[in-house]
């Protein structure tokens, strides 16, 4: 993959699906190779791993588009595709009854796929970014092993998305967007062997970490549709990244959900860009 200035960015691992999954290449004018400064003043591409599920291909593309379009720093968006991980022998566990997506567990391979180096982010594909990712990276505290939005969330619905069962557990949705300090000693245990054998409770509750190693990000970066609310008198409540956690307008049952218009407009813009390439 290359940027508009000719700089080449190599994927973190060849097992990861190319960023041109359904659209070949994003519009060249918004293909950016962005960088994040580390503590030594060096710069690296900020890798963003996005969970991919074939049922939500368009959601992935729009999520990626929304990130790249607004990014003022060099980023690389990389889909995590279960079938590719299986081909490379990195993922072999059977899918459980409570796994609503193909990346329920593979998301925790993020530090491994990033080579246990630097900073990297995982995010579900059902996000729409409304702000520059640089604003998020400016919040990073590298003393933390991970950073996320510590939601207090209990879903009201019994099903979500295209009819899958909604599950309730402690720290639900914390793992839907996580910034990893990939070289943190505690994260070195996140190997394929562990990801393929440990329980969902172990991972989604971040039980390999002490609480003080989990940094907090403002909820506006993981704004849960139907749960979080905008206070018109408080600009700090305006979402910077919308999470269609129960289902987005790419599903028929959720085509009229809150903030559907924003996603549909972004999707239309993305599709128009494809016709020009």
C-alpha atoms as a PDB file:
ATOM      1  CA  UNK A   1       0.000   0.000   0.000  1.00  0.00           C
ATOM      2  CA  UNK A   2       1.334   3.456  -0.779  1.00  0.00           C
ATOM      3  CA  UNK A   3       0.415   7.010   0.122  1.00  0.00           C
ATOM      4  CA  UNK A   4      -0.216   9.932  -2.164  1.00  0.00           C
ATOM      5  CA  UNK A   5       3.430  10.982  -1.645  1.00  0.00           C
ATOM      6  CA  UNK A   6       4.794   7.602  -2.722  1.00  0.00           C
ATOM      7  CA  UNK A   7       5.841   6.321   0.711  1.00  0.00           C
ATOM      8  CA  UNK A   8       5.278   2.608   0.980  1.00  0.00           C
ATOM      9  CA  UNK A   9       3.707   1.023   4.021  1.00  0.00           C
ATOM     10  CA  UNK A  10       4.132  -2.693   4.475  1.00  0.00           C
ATOM     11  CA  UNK A  11       1.375  -4.630   6.229  1.00  0.00           C
ATOM     12  CA  UNK A  12       2.207  -5.896   9.704  1.00  0.00           C
ATOM     13  CA  UNK A  13       1.759  -9.498   8.569  1.00  0.00           C
ATOM     14  CA  UNK A  14       0.938 -11.075   5.197  1.00  0.00           C
ATOM     15  CA  UNK A  15      -1.874 -13.100   6.782  1.00  0.00           C
ATOM     16  CA  UNK A  16      -3.829  -9.919   7.258  1.00  0.00           C
ATOM     17  CA  UNK A  17      -6.275  -9.083   4.561  1.00  0.00           C
ATOM     18  CA  UNK A  18      -5.150  -6.290   2.276  1.00  0.00           C
ATOM     19  CA  UNK A  19      -6.642  -2.896   2.911  1.00  0.00           C
ATOM     20  CA  UNK A  20      -8.129  -3.149  -0.572  1.00  0.00           C
ATOM     21  CA  UNK A  21     -10.583  -5.820   0.549  1.00  0.00           C
ATOM     22  CA  UNK A  22     -13.646  -4.808  -1.473  1.00  0.00           C
ATOM     23  CA  UNK A  23     -12.666  -1.515  -2.982  1.00  0.00           C
ATOM     24  CA  UNK A  24      -9.172  -2.228  -4.295  1.00  0.00           C
ATOM     25  CA  UNK A  25      -7.663   1.035  -3.047  1.00  0.00           C
ATOM     26  CA  UNK A  26      -9.162   3.931  -1.140  1.00  0.00           C
ATOM     27  CA  UNK A  27      -9.242   7.187  -3.059  1.00  0.00           C
ATOM     28  CA  UNK A  28      -5.593   8.095  -3.513  1.00  0.00           C
ATOM     29  CA  UNK A  29      -6.133  11.595  -2.198  1.00  0.00           C
ATOM     30  CA  UNK A  30      -7.030  10.255   1.231  1.00  0.00           C
ATOM     31  CA  UNK A  31      -4.478   7.407   1.383  1.00  0.00           C
ATOM     32  CA  UNK A  32      -2.220   8.702   4.117  1.00  0.00           C
ATOM     33  CA  UNK A  33       0.848   7.239   5.732  1.00  0.00           C
ATOM     34  CA  UNK A  34       0.729   8.886   9.112  1.00  0.00           C
ATOM     35  CA  UNK A  35       3.086   8.788  12.095  1.00  0.00           C
ATOM     36  CA  UNK A  36       2.888   8.923  15.857  1.00  0.00           C
ATOM     37  CA  UNK A  37       5.823  10.195  17.885  1.00  0.00           C
ATOM     38  CA  UNK A  38       7.073   7.963  20.658  1.00  0.00           C
ATOM     39  CA  UNK A  39       8.865   8.944  23.850  1.00  0.00           C
ATOM     40  CA  UNK A  40      12.230   9.100  22.068  1.00  0.00           C
ATOM     41  CA  UNK A  41      10.972  11.555  19.489  1.00  0.00           C
ATOM     42  CA  UNK A  42      10.963   8.942  16.718  1.00  0.00           C
ATOM     43  CA  UNK A  43       7.942   8.454  14.503  1.00  0.00           C
ATOM     44  CA  UNK A  44       6.157   5.289  13.510  1.00  0.00           C
ATOM     45  CA  UNK A  45       3.100   4.470  11.498  1.00  0.00           C
ATOM     46  CA  UNK A  46       0.146   4.095  13.867  1.00  0.00           C
ATOM     47  CA  UNK A  47      -1.361   0.710  13.089  1.00  0.00           C
ATOM     48  CA  UNK A  48      -5.111   0.346  13.465  1.00  0.00           C
ATOM     49  CA  UNK A  49      -6.370  -3.237  13.330  1.00  0.00           C
ATOM     50  CA  UNK A  50     -10.059  -3.483  12.463  1.00  0.00           C
ATOM     51  CA  UNK A  51     -12.100  -6.594  13.140  1.00  0.00           C
ATOM     52  CA  UNK A  52     -13.492  -7.980   9.883  1.00  0.00           C
ATOM     53  CA  UNK A  53     -16.572 -10.141   9.421  1.00  0.00           C
ATOM     54  CA  UNK A  54     -17.864 -11.068   5.939  1.00  0.00           C
ATOM     55  CA  UNK A  55     -21.391 -10.128   7.047  1.00  0.00           C
ATOM     56  CA  UNK A  56     -20.195  -6.586   7.656  1.00  0.00           C
ATOM     57  CA  UNK A  57     -17.877  -5.966   4.719  1.00  0.00           C
ATOM     58  CA  UNK A  58     -19.331  -2.528   3.967  1.00  0.00           C
ATOM     59  CA  UNK A  59     -19.178  -1.567   7.639  1.00  0.00           C
ATOM     60  CA  UNK A  60     -15.439  -2.327   7.597  1.00  0.00           C
ATOM     61  CA  UNK A  61     -14.897  -0.262   4.452  1.00  0.00           C
ATOM     62  CA  UNK A  62     -16.805   2.727   5.823  1.00  0.00           C
ATOM     63  CA  UNK A  63     -14.997   2.518   9.166  1.00  0.00           C
ATOM     64  CA  UNK A  64     -11.657   2.501   7.362  1.00  0.00           C
ATOM     65  CA  UNK A  65     -12.727   5.329   5.082  1.00  0.00           C
ATOM     66  CA  UNK A  66     -13.838   7.473   8.024  1.00  0.00           C
ATOM     67  CA  UNK A  67     -10.457   7.021   9.736  1.00  0.00           C
ATOM     68  CA  UNK A  68      -8.292   7.668   6.683  1.00  0.00           C
ATOM     69  CA  UNK A  69     -10.314  10.634   5.480  1.00  0.00           C
ATOM     70  CA  UNK A  70      -9.835  12.583   8.697  1.00  0.00           C
ATOM     71  CA  UNK A  71      -6.361  11.455   9.747  1.00  0.00           C
ATOM     72  CA  UNK A  72      -3.671  14.129   9.893  1.00  0.00           C
ATOM     73  CA  UNK A  73      -1.013  11.687  11.088  1.00  0.00           C
ATOM     74  CA  UNK A  74       0.304   8.558   9.322  1.00  0.00           C
ATOM     75  CA  UNK A  75      -1.910   5.533   9.956  1.00  0.00           C
ATOM     76  CA  UNK A  76      -2.214   2.075   8.464  1.00  0.00           C
ATOM     77  CA  UNK A  77      -5.607   0.387   8.681  1.00  0.00           C
ATOM     78  CA  UNK A  78      -5.328  -3.407   8.696  1.00  0.00           C
ATOM     79  CA  UNK A  79      -8.292  -5.812   8.739  1.00  0.00           C
ATOM     80  CA  UNK A  80      -8.089  -8.880  10.980  1.00  0.00           C
ATOM     81  CA  UNK A  81      -9.568 -11.690   8.889  1.00  0.00           C
ATOM     82  CA  UNK A  82     -10.168 -15.000  10.615  1.00  0.00           C
ATOM     83  CA  UNK A  83      -9.880 -17.138   7.470  1.00  0.00           C
ATOM     84  CA  UNK A  84      -6.422 -15.738   6.748  1.00  0.00           C
ATOM     85  CA  UNK A  85      -5.293 -16.306  10.317  1.00  0.00           C
ATOM     86  CA  UNK A  86      -6.450 -19.924  10.079  1.00  0.00           C
ATOM     87  CA  UNK A  87      -4.501 -20.464   6.855  1.00  0.00           C
ATOM     88  CA  UNK A  88      -1.337 -19.298   8.592  1.00  0.00           C
ATOM     89  CA  UNK A  89      -1.931 -21.472  11.635  1.00  0.00           C
ATOM     90  CA  UNK A  90      -2.440 -18.519  13.965  1.00  0.00           C
ATOM     91  CA  UNK A  91      -6.080 -19.197  14.788  1.00  0.00           C
ATOM     92  CA  UNK A  92      -7.664 -22.592  15.240  1.00  0.00           C
ATOM     93  CA  UNK A  93     -10.275 -22.448  17.980  1.00  0.00           C
ATOM     94  CA  UNK A  94     -13.860 -23.463  17.186  1.00  0.00           C
ATOM     95  CA  UNK A  95     -16.452 -20.701  17.124  1.00  0.00           C
ATOM     96  CA  UNK A  96     -18.545 -20.599  20.288  1.00  0.00           C
ATOM     97  CA  UNK A  97     -22.278 -20.018  20.516  1.00  0.00           C
ATOM     98  CA  UNK A  98     -21.845 -16.593  22.121  1.00  0.00           C
ATOM     99  CA  UNK A  99     -19.416 -15.209  19.513  1.00  0.00           C
ATOM    100  CA  UNK A 100     -21.385 -12.617  17.569  1.00  0.00           C
ATOM    101  CA  UNK A 101     -18.545 -11.863  15.125  1.00  0.00           C
ATOM    102  CA  UNK A 102     -15.548 -13.638  13.617  1.00  0.00           C
ATOM    103  CA  UNK A 103     -13.195 -11.396  15.590  1.00  0.00           C
ATOM    104  CA  UNK A 104     -14.541 -12.007  19.090  1.00  0.00           C
ATOM    105  CA  UNK A 105     -11.216 -13.599  20.063  1.00  0.00           C
ATOM    106  CA  UNK A 106      -8.824 -12.757  17.220  1.00  0.00           C
ATOM    107  CA  UNK A 107      -8.906  -9.074  18.279  1.00  0.00           C
ATOM    108  CA  UNK A 108      -6.599  -9.992  21.157  1.00  0.00           C
ATOM    109  CA  UNK A 109      -3.861 -10.921  18.683  1.00  0.00           C
ATOM    110  CA  UNK A 110      -3.332  -7.204  18.014  1.00  0.00           C
ATOM    111  CA  UNK A 111      -0.024  -6.874  19.941  1.00  0.00           C
ATOM    112  CA  UNK A 112       1.269 -10.091  18.359  1.00  0.00           C
ATOM    113  CA  UNK A 113       0.327  -8.962  14.847  1.00  0.00           C
ATOM    114  CA  UNK A 114       2.049  -5.642  15.535  1.00  0.00           C
ATOM    115  CA  UNK A 115       5.231  -7.520  16.433  1.00  0.00           C
ATOM    116  CA  UNK A 116       4.928  -6.530  20.107  1.00  0.00           C
ATOM    117  CA  UNK A 117       6.304  -3.186  19.006  1.00  0.00           C
ATOM    118  CA  UNK A 118       5.102   0.334  19.728  1.00  0.00           C
ATOM    119  CA  UNK A 119       1.485   1.402  19.887  1.00  0.00           C
ATOM    120  CA  UNK A 120      -1.409  -0.160  17.986  1.00  0.00           C
ATOM    121  CA  UNK A 121      -5.161   0.025  18.184  1.00  0.00           C
ATOM    122  CA  UNK A 122      -7.918  -2.502  17.718  1.00  0.00           C
ATOM    123  CA  UNK A 123     -11.437  -1.405  16.851  1.00  0.00           C
ATOM    124  CA  UNK A 124     -14.629  -3.190  15.847  1.00  0.00           C
ATOM    125  CA  UNK A 125     -15.746  -2.612  12.265  1.00  0.00           C
ATOM    126  CA  UNK A 126     -19.066  -1.079  13.361  1.00  0.00           C
ATOM    127  CA  UNK A 127     -17.480   2.282  14.207  1.00  0.00           C
ATOM    128  CA  UNK A 128     -17.770   5.578  12.357  1.00  0.00           C
ATOM    129  CA  UNK A 129     -15.020   8.094  13.120  1.00  0.00           C
ATOM    130  CA  UNK A 130     -16.005  11.749  13.111  1.00  0.00           C
ATOM    131  CA  UNK A 131     -12.713  13.230  14.342  1.00  0.00           C
ATOM    132  CA  UNK A 132      -9.014  13.129  13.515  1.00  0.00           C
ATOM    133  CA  UNK A 133      -7.359  10.033  15.010  1.00  0.00           C
ATOM    134  CA  UNK A 134      -4.520  12.308  16.114  1.00  0.00           C
ATOM    135  CA  UNK A 135      -6.812  13.685  18.816  1.00  0.00           C
ATOM    136  CA  UNK A 136      -7.075  10.162  20.185  1.00  0.00           C
ATOM    137  CA  UNK A 137      -3.354   9.423  20.021  1.00  0.00           C
ATOM    138  CA  UNK A 138      -2.690  12.667  21.899  1.00  0.00           C
ATOM    139  CA  UNK A 139      -4.449  11.063  24.881  1.00  0.00           C
ATOM    140  CA  UNK A 140      -2.159   8.036  25.039  1.00  0.00           C
ATOM    141  CA  UNK A 141      -0.390   7.335  28.329  1.00  0.00           C
ATOM    142  CA  UNK A 142       2.445   4.926  27.535  1.00  0.00           C
ATOM    143  CA  UNK A 143       2.729   3.873  31.173  1.00  0.00           C
ATOM    144  CA  UNK A 144      -0.507   1.925  30.651  1.00  0.00           C
ATOM    145  CA  UNK A 145      -0.634  -1.531  29.092  1.00  0.00           C
ATOM    146  CA  UNK A 146      -3.886  -0.684  27.348  1.00  0.00           C
ATOM    147  CA  UNK A 147      -6.307   2.209  27.122  1.00  0.00           C
ATOM    148  CA  UNK A 148     -10.041   1.982  26.462  1.00  0.00           C
ATOM    149  CA  UNK A 149     -13.401   3.530  27.294  1.00  0.00           C
ATOM    150  CA  UNK A 150     -14.504   1.974  30.629  1.00  0.00           C
ATOM    151  CA  UNK A 151     -18.198   1.700  29.845  1.00  0.00           C
ATOM    152  CA  UNK A 152     -20.790   0.813  32.471  1.00  0.00           C
ATOM    153  CA  UNK A 153     -23.071  -0.827  29.942  1.00  0.00           C
ATOM    154  CA  UNK A 154     -25.871  -3.359  30.211  1.00  0.00           C
ATOM    155  CA  UNK A 155     -27.686  -3.850  26.894  1.00  0.00           C
ATOM    156  CA  UNK A 156     -31.466  -3.639  26.856  1.00  0.00           C
ATOM    157  CA  UNK A 157     -31.961  -5.848  23.818  1.00  0.00           C
ATOM    158  CA  UNK A 158     -31.913  -9.664  23.815  1.00  0.00           C
ATOM    159  CA  UNK A 159     -30.600  -9.788  20.233  1.00  0.00           C
ATOM    160  CA  UNK A 160     -28.420  -7.535  18.095  1.00  0.00           C
ATOM    161  CA  UNK A 161     -27.094  -7.060  14.571  1.00  0.00           C
ATOM    162  CA  UNK A 162     -28.808  -9.600  12.304  1.00  0.00           C
ATOM    163  CA  UNK A 163     -30.485 -11.528  15.109  1.00  0.00           C
ATOM    164  CA  UNK A 164     -27.517 -12.892  17.075  1.00  0.00           C
ATOM    165  CA  UNK A 165     -27.927 -13.327  20.818  1.00  0.00           C
ATOM    166  CA  UNK A 166     -26.929 -10.352  22.953  1.00  0.00           C
ATOM    167  CA  UNK A 167     -24.695 -11.331  25.863  1.00  0.00           C
ATOM    168  CA  UNK A 168     -24.142  -9.520  29.161  1.00  0.00           C
ATOM    169  CA  UNK A 169     -20.861  -9.627  31.058  1.00  0.00           C
ATOM    170  CA  UNK A 170     -18.645  -7.357  33.187  1.00  0.00           C
ATOM    171  CA  UNK A 171     -16.706  -4.690  31.275  1.00  0.00           C
ATOM    172  CA  UNK A 172     -18.851  -5.202  28.193  1.00  0.00           C
ATOM    173  CA  UNK A 173     -17.671  -3.131  25.216  1.00  0.00           C
ATOM    174  CA  UNK A 174     -14.343  -2.244  26.826  1.00  0.00           C
ATOM    175  CA  UNK A 175     -12.619  -4.475  24.285  1.00  0.00           C
ATOM    176  CA  UNK A 176     -14.423  -2.971  21.277  1.00  0.00           C
ATOM    177  CA  UNK A 177     -11.774  -0.246  20.963  1.00  0.00           C
ATOM    178  CA  UNK A 178      -8.424  -0.711  22.658  1.00  0.00           C
ATOM    179  CA  UNK A 179      -5.097   1.062  22.310  1.00  0.00           C
ATOM    180  CA  UNK A 180      -2.320  -1.391  23.120  1.00  0.00           C
ATOM    181  CA  UNK A 181       1.154  -0.585  24.354  1.00  0.00           C
ATOM    182  CA  UNK A 182       2.384  -3.614  22.434  1.00  0.00           C
ATOM    183  CA  UNK A 183       5.792  -3.764  24.106  1.00  0.00           C
ATOM    184  CA  UNK A 184       4.373  -3.653  27.645  1.00  0.00           C
ATOM    185  CA  UNK A 185       5.594  -6.779  29.485  1.00  0.00           C
ATOM    186  CA  UNK A 186       2.063  -7.797  30.496  1.00  0.00           C
ATOM    187  CA  UNK A 187       0.913  -7.866  26.862  1.00  0.00           C
ATOM    188  CA  UNK A 188       3.627 -10.301  25.797  1.00  0.00           C
ATOM    189  CA  UNK A 189       1.369 -13.184  26.861  1.00  0.00           C
ATOM    190  CA  UNK A 190      -1.093 -12.402  24.048  1.00  0.00           C
ATOM    191  CA  UNK A 191       0.226 -15.093  21.727  1.00  0.00           C
ATOM    192  CA  UNK A 192      -1.737 -17.332  19.350  1.00  0.00           C
ATOM    193  CA  UNK A 193      -1.445 -20.174  21.879  1.00  0.00           C
ATOM    194  CA  UNK A 194      -3.174 -18.123  24.586  1.00  0.00           C
ATOM    195  CA  UNK A 195      -5.778 -16.559  22.290  1.00  0.00           C
ATOM    196  CA  UNK A 196      -6.793 -20.001  21.061  1.00  0.00           C
ATOM    197  CA  UNK A 197      -7.159 -21.538  24.522  1.00  0.00           C
ATOM    198  CA  UNK A 198      -8.247 -18.985  27.118  1.00  0.00           C
ATOM    199  CA  UNK A 199     -11.844 -18.038  27.893  1.00  0.00           C
ATOM    200  CA  UNK A 200     -13.822 -15.040  26.745  1.00  0.00           C
ATOM    201  CA  UNK A 201     -14.055 -13.840  30.339  1.00  0.00           C
ATOM    202  CA  UNK A 202     -10.265 -13.858  30.626  1.00  0.00           C
ATOM    203  CA  UNK A 203      -9.847 -11.634  27.585  1.00  0.00           C
ATOM    204  CA  UNK A 204     -12.837  -9.312  27.568  1.00  0.00           C
ATOM    205  CA  UNK A 205     -12.366  -8.463  31.251  1.00  0.00           C
ATOM    206  CA  UNK A 206      -8.610  -7.888  30.737  1.00  0.00           C
ATOM    207  CA  UNK A 207      -7.825 -10.222  33.610  1.00  0.00           C
ATOM    208  CA  UNK A 208      -4.138 -10.473  32.639  1.00  0.00           C
ATOM    209  CA  UNK A 209      -3.801  -6.849  33.777  1.00  0.00           C
ATOM    210  CA  UNK A 210      -4.054  -5.019  37.079  1.00  0.00           C
ATOM    211  CA  UNK A 211      -6.628  -2.228  37.110  1.00  0.00           C
ATOM    212  CA  UNK A 212      -3.982   0.506  37.315  1.00  0.00           C
ATOM    213  CA  UNK A 213      -2.525  -0.750  34.016  1.00  0.00           C
ATOM    214  CA  UNK A 214      -5.772   0.044  32.171  1.00  0.00           C
ATOM    215  CA  UNK A 215      -5.944   3.677  31.081  1.00  0.00           C
ATOM    216  CA  UNK A 216      -9.204   5.528  30.511  1.00  0.00           C
ATOM    217  CA  UNK A 217     -10.345   7.217  27.294  1.00  0.00           C
ATOM    218  CA  UNK A 218     -13.335   9.622  27.185  1.00  0.00           C
ATOM    219  CA  UNK A 219     -16.583   7.911  26.157  1.00  0.00           C
ATOM    220  CA  UNK A 220     -16.959  10.137  23.085  1.00  0.00           C
ATOM    221  CA  UNK A 221     -14.332   7.940  21.379  1.00  0.00           C
ATOM    222  CA  UNK A 222     -16.566   4.874  21.784  1.00  0.00           C
ATOM    223  CA  UNK A 223     -19.989   6.478  21.790  1.00  0.00           C
ATOM    224  CA  UNK A 224     -22.506   3.664  22.157  1.00  0.00           C
ATOM    225  CA  UNK A 225     -25.636   4.235  20.100  1.00  0.00           C
ATOM    226  CA  UNK A 226     -28.690   3.844  22.309  1.00  0.00           C
ATOM    227  CA  UNK A 227     -26.692   4.170  25.520  1.00  0.00           C
ATOM    228  CA  UNK A 228     -24.553   7.305  25.553  1.00  0.00           C
ATOM    229  CA  UNK A 229     -26.297  10.636  25.219  1.00  0.00           C
ATOM    230  CA  UNK A 230     -25.361  14.034  23.810  1.00  0.00           C
ATOM    231  CA  UNK A 231     -25.874  17.022  26.097  1.00  0.00           C
ATOM    232  CA  UNK A 232     -26.462  19.999  23.814  1.00  0.00           C
ATOM    233  CA  UNK A 233     -25.108  22.266  26.534  1.00  0.00           C
ATOM    234  CA  UNK A 234     -21.878  20.290  26.878  1.00  0.00           C
ATOM    235  CA  UNK A 235     -19.706  20.037  23.748  1.00  0.00           C
ATOM    236  CA  UNK A 236     -17.560  17.437  25.497  1.00  0.00           C
ATOM    237  CA  UNK A 237     -20.386  14.922  25.028  1.00  0.00           C
ATOM    238  CA  UNK A 238     -20.418  15.212  21.239  1.00  0.00           C
ATOM    239  CA  UNK A 239     -19.248  11.890  19.732  1.00  0.00           C
ATOM    240  CA  UNK A 240     -15.870  11.604  18.038  1.00  0.00           C
ATOM    241  CA  UNK A 241     -16.408   7.951  17.132  1.00  0.00           C
ATOM    242  CA  UNK A 242     -19.867   6.395  16.938  1.00  0.00           C
ATOM    243  CA  UNK A 243     -20.196   2.723  17.822  1.00  0.00           C
ATOM    244  CA  UNK A 244     -23.276   1.008  16.381  1.00  0.00           C
ATOM    245  CA  UNK A 245     -22.903  -1.734  18.957  1.00  0.00           C
ATOM    246  CA  UNK A 246     -26.359  -3.311  18.649  1.00  0.00           C
ATOM    247  CA  UNK A 247     -26.437  -2.991  14.867  1.00  0.00           C
ATOM    248  CA  UNK A 248     -25.881  -0.339  12.230  1.00  0.00           C
ATOM    249  CA  UNK A 249     -27.863   0.770   9.184  1.00  0.00           C
ATOM    250  CA  UNK A 250     -26.129  -1.803   6.974  1.00  0.00           C
ATOM    251  CA  UNK A 251     -28.509  -4.273   8.683  1.00  0.00           C
ATOM    252  CA  UNK A 252     -32.156  -4.011   7.651  1.00  0.00           C
ATOM    253  CA  UNK A 253     -33.377  -4.176  11.250  1.00  0.00           C
ATOM    254  CA  UNK A 254     -31.245  -1.169  12.231  1.00  0.00           C
ATOM    255  CA  UNK A 255     -31.548   1.062   9.172  1.00  0.00           C
ATOM    256  CA  UNK A 256     -33.347   3.732  11.232  1.00  0.00           C
ATOM    257  CA  UNK A 257     -31.153   3.626  14.336  1.00  0.00           C
ATOM    258  CA  UNK A 258     -29.798   6.798  15.936  1.00  0.00           C
ATOM    259  CA  UNK A 259     -27.022   8.408  13.881  1.00  0.00           C
ATOM    260  CA  UNK A 260     -27.967   6.247  10.888  1.00  0.00           C
ATOM    261  CA  UNK A 261     -27.904   9.315   8.657  1.00  0.00           C
ATOM    262  CA  UNK A 262     -24.248  10.009   9.453  1.00  0.00           C
ATOM    263  CA  UNK A 263     -23.206   6.477   8.535  1.00  0.00           C
ATOM    264  CA  UNK A 264     -25.346   6.410   5.388  1.00  0.00           C
ATOM    265  CA  UNK A 265     -23.876   9.714   4.211  1.00  0.00           C
ATOM    266  CA  UNK A 266     -20.352   8.419   4.817  1.00  0.00           C
ATOM    267  CA  UNK A 267     -21.144   5.194   2.983  1.00  0.00           C
ATOM    268  CA  UNK A 268     -22.516   7.142   0.014  1.00  0.00           C
ATOM    269  CA  UNK A 269     -19.402   9.292  -0.098  1.00  0.00           C
ATOM    270  CA  UNK A 270     -17.223   6.190   0.030  1.00  0.00           C
ATOM    271  CA  UNK A 271     -19.153   4.553  -2.821  1.00  0.00           C
ATOM    272  CA  UNK A 272     -18.940   7.688  -4.954  1.00  0.00           C
ATOM    273  CA  UNK A 273     -15.181   7.645  -4.463  1.00  0.00           C
ATOM    274  CA  UNK A 274     -15.028   4.093  -5.823  1.00  0.00           C
ATOM    275  CA  UNK A 275     -16.702   5.157  -9.046  1.00  0.00           C
ATOM    276  CA  UNK A 276     -14.010   7.773  -9.604  1.00  0.00           C
ATOM    277  CA  UNK A 277     -11.122   5.311  -9.248  1.00  0.00           C
END
